[in-house]
Amino acid sequence: MIERECEIKNPSGMHARPATLFVEQANKSRCSISVRKGDIEVNGKSILGVMMLCAGIGESIIITARGESLEDEEKIINDLSNLIDNKFYEEESA
């Protein structure tokens, strides 16, 4: 099991499009993915669950990956963290 804390950096937070990208990436892995914000923990492969967190800019989420191998867990944690760190590849409006 691997956990990583990530800060939401895109200005509009984890709304529908970022949540969709997150879930699509999570579903590429065989690992079980959970996401926690405060006391709420959801299935990271569920669009409704991820959107329910209402994670806004500057808020932290904890991503947990549980899989058959450490390599699988590290890969998906890195992929999801990169997505968040790159602001879900959204253009910043001027």
Protein backbone atom coordinates (compact mmCIF):
# COMPACT_ATOMS: atom_id res chain seq x y z
CA MET A 1 0.00 0.00 0.00
CA ILE A 2 1.26 3.47 -0.91
CA GLU A 3 -0.23 6.79 0.15
CA ARG A 4 0.58 10.24 -1.15
CA GLU A 5 -0.76 13.64 -0.18
CA CYS A 6 -1.40 16.00 -3.08
CA GLU A 7 -2.50 19.62 -3.15
CA ILE A 8 -5.10 20.66 -5.71
CA LYS A 9 -3.47 23.39 -7.80
CA ASN A 10 -5.86 24.21 -10.60
CA PRO A 11 -8.00 27.30 -9.87
CA SER A 12 -11.36 25.59 -10.39
CA GLY A 13 -10.54 22.60 -8.19
CA MET A 14 -11.55 19.04 -8.89
CA HIS A 15 -14.75 19.76 -10.82
CA ALA A 16 -16.27 17.44 -13.44
CA ARG A 17 -13.48 17.48 -16.05
CA PRO A 18 -10.54 16.98 -13.64
CA ALA A 19 -12.49 14.33 -11.73
CA THR A 20 -13.16 12.52 -15.01
CA LEU A 21 -9.47 12.63 -15.96
CA PHE A 22 -8.50 11.38 -12.50
CA VAL A 23 -10.96 8.46 -12.65
CA GLU A 24 -9.95 7.55 -16.21
CA GLN A 25 -6.30 7.41 -15.13
CA ALA A 26 -7.17 5.43 -11.97
CA ASN A 27 -9.13 2.90 -14.02
CA LYS A 28 -6.04 2.14 -16.13
CA SER A 29 -4.55 0.45 -13.08
CA ARG A 30 -5.32 -2.92 -11.54
CA CYS A 31 -4.73 -1.37 -8.11
CA SER A 32 -7.50 -0.40 -5.76
CA ILE A 33 -7.48 3.40 -5.45
CA SER A 34 -9.02 5.42 -2.65
CA VAL A 35 -9.03 9.17 -2.17
CA ARG A 36 -9.49 10.92 1.14
CA LYS A 37 -10.19 14.53 2.02
CA GLY A 38 -10.59 15.11 5.72
CA ASP A 39 -12.84 12.41 7.14
CA ILE A 40 -14.34 11.45 3.77
CA GLU A 41 -12.82 8.55 1.83
CA VAL A 42 -14.10 7.51 -1.59
CA ASN A 43 -13.35 5.03 -4.35
CA GLY A 44 -10.85 6.71 -6.68
CA LYS A 45 -12.33 4.85 -9.63
CA SER A 46 -15.80 6.36 -9.10
CA ILE A 47 -16.58 9.69 -10.76
CA LEU A 48 -19.38 10.40 -8.28
CA GLY A 49 -17.14 9.57 -5.35
CA VAL A 50 -14.29 11.79 -6.51
CA MET A 51 -16.65 14.69 -7.29
CA MET A 52 -18.30 14.28 -3.88
CA LEU A 53 -15.03 15.35 -2.24
CA CYS A 54 -15.46 18.87 -3.69
CA ALA A 55 -11.69 19.37 -3.47
CA GLY A 56 -10.88 23.01 -4.20
CA ILE A 57 -7.67 24.85 -4.97
CA GLY A 58 -5.21 24.68 -2.11
CA GLU A 59 -6.93 21.72 -0.46
CA SER A 60 -5.09 18.46 0.10
CA ILE A 61 -6.25 14.97 -0.77
CA ILE A 62 -4.63 11.67 0.16
CA ILE A 63 -4.43 9.06 -2.59
CA THR A 64 -3.97 5.42 -1.57
CA ALA A 65 -3.08 2.61 -3.96
CA ARG A 66 -3.33 -1.06 -3.01
CA GLY A 67 -2.15 -3.59 -5.53
CA GLU A 68 -0.38 -6.85 -6.13
CA SER A 69 3.04 -5.22 -6.51
CA LEU A 70 4.86 -2.17 -5.24
CA GLU A 71 5.69 -1.28 -8.86
CA ASP A 72 1.98 -1.14 -9.80
CA GLU A 73 1.22 1.01 -6.76
CA GLU A 74 4.12 3.40 -7.44
CA LYS A 75 3.17 3.79 -11.10
CA ILE A 76 -0.45 4.74 -10.48
CA ILE A 77 0.39 7.02 -7.54
CA ASN A 78 2.96 8.81 -9.73
CA ASP A 79 0.55 9.04 -12.67
CA LEU A 80 -2.26 10.49 -10.52
CA SER A 81 0.10 12.87 -8.70
CA ASN A 82 1.48 14.15 -12.01
CA LEU A 83 -2.05 14.78 -13.25
CA ILE A 84 -2.79 16.87 -10.14
CA ASP A 85 0.58 18.65 -10.19
CA ASN A 86 -0.01 19.61 -13.83
CA LYS A 87 -3.39 21.14 -12.91
CA PHE A 88 -5.20 18.46 -14.93
CA TYR A 89 -3.71 20.08 -18.05
CA GLU A 90 -6.26 22.90 -17.90
CA GLU A 91 -5.46 26.23 -19.51
CA GLU A 92 -5.32 29.13 -17.10
CA SER A 93 -7.61 31.95 -18.11
CA ALA A 94 -6.11 35.43 -18.29
